[in-house]
Amino acid sequence: MSYALDPAWENYYKETDAAKRRECLKELMEKTEDDGANAFRSQLFSERYPETMTGQDAFLMRCRYELSLYHQKDAMFTSIGRDTRKTVSQFHLDQPELLSEAEKKALYWEFRNIALCHIKSMDKPGYGSRFFGLIKMDEEKKRAKLCEDIWSMSRGAALYAECGKKLRLYCDAFRDELLAFDPALSEQYDQLDEGLVRTLPQ
């Protein structure tokens, strides 16, 4: 299916500040015609920024948890399979075929926005630094780490946990946002993908 974005919603999905997104969502729902996904968008917003978490991004935190799960995948008591199945449920992908086309598109762009939030973290001074921030990464190494992080928290974790089919929408959205940021990272992303696929049971 096509995930072409309605121009009216572009600012909403490019905005990463929760408070500004809330105002933008409210305005769009009042002033634009409902494409059949507005109720779902509102639900996603409430789940992503629950009042109990005072503005924190629950979905981004879950994605970063998937990153940590992937890094610990070879541990003796890894929980990547069980916990990634919880991610499938949290992200409404248990039965993606039950989502309407408009809802799938809304979910895809919500995932793109989450990926964008993580990509923006690369601008922070401590991103990828070591030894308590004393050793900094240069720009090229930062981008390589960003690619590995985006791949690991989406495609890598999904494949390793045998949830690749259910999480395809999520993985595609993260890859698309990464390559929108830097198309040159496509080769590294594909190499990571091929490297893991070769190690998995057929």
Protein backbone atom coordinates (compact mmCIF):
# COMPACT_ATOMS: atom_id res chain seq x y z
CA MET A 1 0.00 0.00 0.00
CA SER A 2 1.00 3.62 -0.42
CA TYR A 3 1.96 5.59 2.68
CA ALA A 4 1.85 8.94 0.89
CA LEU A 5 1.25 11.58 3.54
CA ASP A 6 -1.62 14.05 3.31
CA PRO A 7 0.12 17.48 3.31
CA ALA A 8 -2.30 18.64 6.01
CA TRP A 9 -0.69 16.16 8.43
CA GLU A 10 2.93 16.81 7.53
CA ASN A 11 3.67 19.22 10.38
CA TYR A 12 2.13 16.84 12.91
CA TYR A 13 4.34 13.94 11.91
CA LYS A 14 7.45 16.10 11.65
CA GLU A 15 6.94 17.67 15.08
CA THR A 16 8.76 15.90 17.96
CA ASP A 17 7.67 18.05 20.90
CA ALA A 18 4.77 16.33 22.69
CA ALA A 19 2.97 19.54 23.72
CA LYS A 20 3.16 21.00 20.22
CA ARG A 21 1.96 17.70 18.74
CA ARG A 22 -1.03 17.74 21.09
CA GLU A 23 -2.09 21.20 19.90
CA CYS A 24 -1.49 20.29 16.27
CA LEU A 25 -3.54 17.10 16.60
CA LYS A 26 -6.43 18.95 18.22
CA GLU A 27 -6.45 21.59 15.50
CA LEU A 28 -6.26 19.06 12.65
CA MET A 29 -9.06 16.95 14.07
CA GLU A 30 -11.26 20.05 14.29
CA LYS A 31 -10.43 21.57 10.90
CA THR A 32 -9.74 18.70 8.50
CA GLU A 33 -11.97 15.98 7.17
CA ASP A 34 -11.63 12.68 9.03
CA ASP A 35 -10.04 10.07 6.79
CA GLY A 36 -11.23 7.30 9.09
CA ALA A 37 -8.15 7.27 11.33
CA ASN A 38 -8.67 10.26 13.64
CA ALA A 39 -9.96 8.19 16.55
CA PHE A 40 -6.97 5.87 16.15
CA ARG A 41 -4.54 8.83 16.01
CA SER A 42 -6.03 10.16 19.23
CA GLN A 43 -5.66 6.73 20.84
CA LEU A 44 -2.03 6.45 19.73
CA PHE A 45 -1.28 9.89 21.14
CA SER A 46 -2.79 9.00 24.54
CA GLU A 47 -0.87 5.74 24.65
CA ARG A 48 2.38 7.33 23.57
CA TYR A 49 2.27 10.23 26.05
CA PRO A 50 0.26 8.88 29.02
CA GLU A 51 -0.62 11.38 31.74
CA THR A 52 0.96 9.09 34.33
CA MET A 53 4.34 9.57 32.63
CA THR A 54 4.19 13.40 32.64
CA GLY A 55 5.01 13.95 28.99
CA GLN A 56 7.50 11.13 28.52
CA ASP A 57 7.34 9.16 25.29
CA ALA A 58 6.27 5.60 26.15
CA PHE A 59 6.64 4.38 22.57
CA LEU A 60 10.16 5.74 22.15
CA MET A 61 11.11 4.18 25.47
CA ARG A 62 9.76 0.85 24.23
CA CYS A 63 11.81 1.10 21.05
CA ARG A 64 14.95 1.83 23.03
CA TYR A 65 14.13 -1.14 25.24
CA GLU A 66 14.08 -3.25 22.08
CA LEU A 67 17.57 -1.89 21.37
CA SER A 68 18.79 -3.07 24.75
CA LEU A 69 17.09 -6.44 24.25
CA TYR A 70 18.89 -6.92 20.96
CA HIS A 71 22.24 -6.10 22.53
CA GLN A 72 21.55 -8.76 25.18
CA LYS A 73 20.13 -11.33 22.75
CA ASP A 74 22.90 -13.86 23.34
CA ALA A 75 22.63 -13.75 27.13
CA MET A 76 21.76 -17.02 28.84
CA PHE A 77 18.36 -15.85 30.03
CA THR A 78 17.42 -13.46 27.21
CA SER A 79 13.80 -12.26 27.13
CA ILE A 80 13.89 -10.83 23.62
CA GLY A 81 11.24 -13.22 22.29
CA ARG A 82 8.74 -12.70 25.10
CA ASP A 83 9.27 -8.97 25.41
CA THR A 84 9.20 -8.31 21.66
CA ARG A 85 5.84 -10.04 21.50
CA LYS A 86 4.70 -7.51 24.10
CA THR A 87 5.96 -4.77 21.79
CA VAL A 88 3.88 -6.25 18.97
CA SER A 89 0.78 -5.90 21.16
CA GLN A 90 1.66 -2.43 22.43
CA PHE A 91 2.09 -1.22 18.85
CA HIS A 92 -1.28 -2.63 17.66
CA LEU A 93 0.33 -5.19 15.37
CA ASP A 94 -1.05 -8.43 16.77
CA GLN A 95 -3.50 -8.51 13.88
CA PRO A 96 -2.44 -5.79 11.45
CA GLU A 97 -4.88 -7.12 8.87
CA LEU A 98 -7.72 -5.81 11.05
CA LEU A 99 -6.50 -2.23 10.73
CA SER A 100 -8.04 -0.11 8.00
CA GLU A 101 -5.80 1.35 5.29
CA ALA A 102 -6.10 4.78 6.93
CA GLU A 103 -5.17 3.34 10.34
CA LYS A 104 -2.15 1.52 8.90
CA LYS A 105 -1.00 4.76 7.32
CA ALA A 106 -1.46 6.65 10.61
CA LEU A 107 0.50 3.96 12.47
CA TYR A 108 3.28 3.99 9.87
CA TRP A 109 3.72 7.75 10.22
CA GLU A 110 3.60 7.54 14.02
CA PHE A 111 6.48 5.07 13.81
CA ARG A 112 8.32 7.43 11.46
CA ASN A 113 7.90 10.16 14.06
CA ILE A 114 9.30 7.91 16.80
CA ALA A 115 12.31 7.10 14.63
CA LEU A 116 12.76 10.83 13.97
CA CYS A 117 12.83 11.48 17.72
CA HIS A 118 15.63 8.95 18.12
CA ILE A 119 17.53 10.33 15.15
CA LYS A 120 17.39 13.81 16.67
CA SER A 121 19.11 12.44 19.78
CA MET A 122 22.27 12.14 17.66
CA ASP A 123 22.63 15.91 17.98
CA LYS A 124 23.11 15.64 21.73
CA PRO A 125 26.76 16.08 22.79
CA GLY A 126 26.89 12.75 24.62
CA TYR A 127 25.58 10.58 21.79
CA GLY A 128 27.93 7.63 21.29
CA SER A 129 30.51 8.99 23.71
CA ARG A 130 32.55 6.74 25.99
CA PHE A 131 34.33 6.98 29.31
CA PHE A 132 31.75 9.27 30.93
CA GLY A 133 31.57 11.49 27.86
CA LEU A 134 35.29 12.17 27.66
CA ILE A 135 35.75 10.43 24.31
CA LYS A 136 33.46 11.76 21.59
CA MET A 137 32.55 10.15 18.28
CA ASP A 138 33.21 11.96 15.03
CA GLU A 139 30.28 12.61 12.67
CA GLU A 140 30.89 9.55 10.48
CA LYS A 141 31.01 7.17 13.45
CA LYS A 142 27.91 8.81 14.93
CA ARG A 143 25.98 8.11 11.75
CA ALA A 144 27.21 4.52 11.67
CA LYS A 145 26.08 4.06 15.27
CA LEU A 146 22.74 5.68 14.49
CA CYS A 147 22.18 3.23 11.63
CA GLU A 148 23.06 0.29 13.86
CA ASP A 149 20.76 1.55 16.63
CA ILE A 150 17.79 2.09 14.29
CA TRP A 151 18.30 -1.32 12.68
CA SER A 152 18.80 -3.11 16.02
CA MET A 153 15.69 -1.67 17.71
CA SER A 154 13.50 -2.53 14.74
CA ARG A 155 14.53 -5.05 12.10
CA GLY A 156 17.23 -6.75 14.17
CA ALA A 157 15.08 -7.33 17.24
CA ALA A 158 12.05 -8.30 15.14
CA LEU A 159 13.94 -10.93 13.13
CA TYR A 160 15.74 -12.37 16.12
CA ALA A 161 12.47 -12.64 18.08
CA GLU A 162 10.71 -14.23 15.05
CA CYS A 163 8.29 -11.31 14.86
CA GLY A 164 9.43 -9.97 11.49
CA LYS A 165 6.08 -10.39 9.74
CA LYS A 166 3.99 -8.75 12.43
CA LEU A 167 6.46 -5.90 12.93
CA ARG A 168 7.02 -5.24 9.24
CA LEU A 169 5.14 -1.93 9.29
CA TYR A 170 7.24 -0.77 12.25
CA CYS A 171 10.51 -1.92 10.67
CA ASP A 172 9.70 -0.35 7.29
CA ALA A 173 8.85 2.97 8.93
CA PHE A 174 12.12 3.06 10.89
CA ARG A 175 14.17 2.21 7.82
CA ASP A 176 12.38 4.81 5.71
CA GLU A 177 12.94 7.55 8.28
CA LEU A 178 16.62 6.63 8.63
CA LEU A 179 17.17 6.78 4.87
CA ALA A 180 15.21 10.03 4.61
CA PHE A 181 17.77 11.41 7.07
CA ASP A 182 20.77 9.95 5.22
CA PRO A 183 20.29 7.80 2.08
CA ALA A 184 23.97 6.83 2.22
CA LEU A 185 23.23 4.60 5.23
CA SER A 186 21.29 2.17 3.03
CA GLU A 187 24.32 -0.04 2.36
CA GLN A 188 25.22 -0.36 6.04
CA TYR A 189 21.60 -1.12 6.93
CA ASP A 190 21.39 -3.88 4.32
CA GLN A 191 24.70 -5.36 5.48
CA LEU A 192 23.41 -5.56 9.05
CA ASP A 193 20.27 -7.24 7.76
CA GLU A 194 22.15 -9.78 5.64
CA GLY A 195 24.58 -10.54 8.46
CA LEU A 196 21.79 -11.47 10.87
CA VAL A 197 19.73 -13.40 8.32
CA ARG A 198 22.73 -15.66 7.60
CA THR A 199 22.90 -16.65 11.27
CA LEU A 200 19.21 -17.43 11.76
CA PRO A 201 17.79 -20.95 11.37
CA GLN A 202 16.15 -21.46 7.98
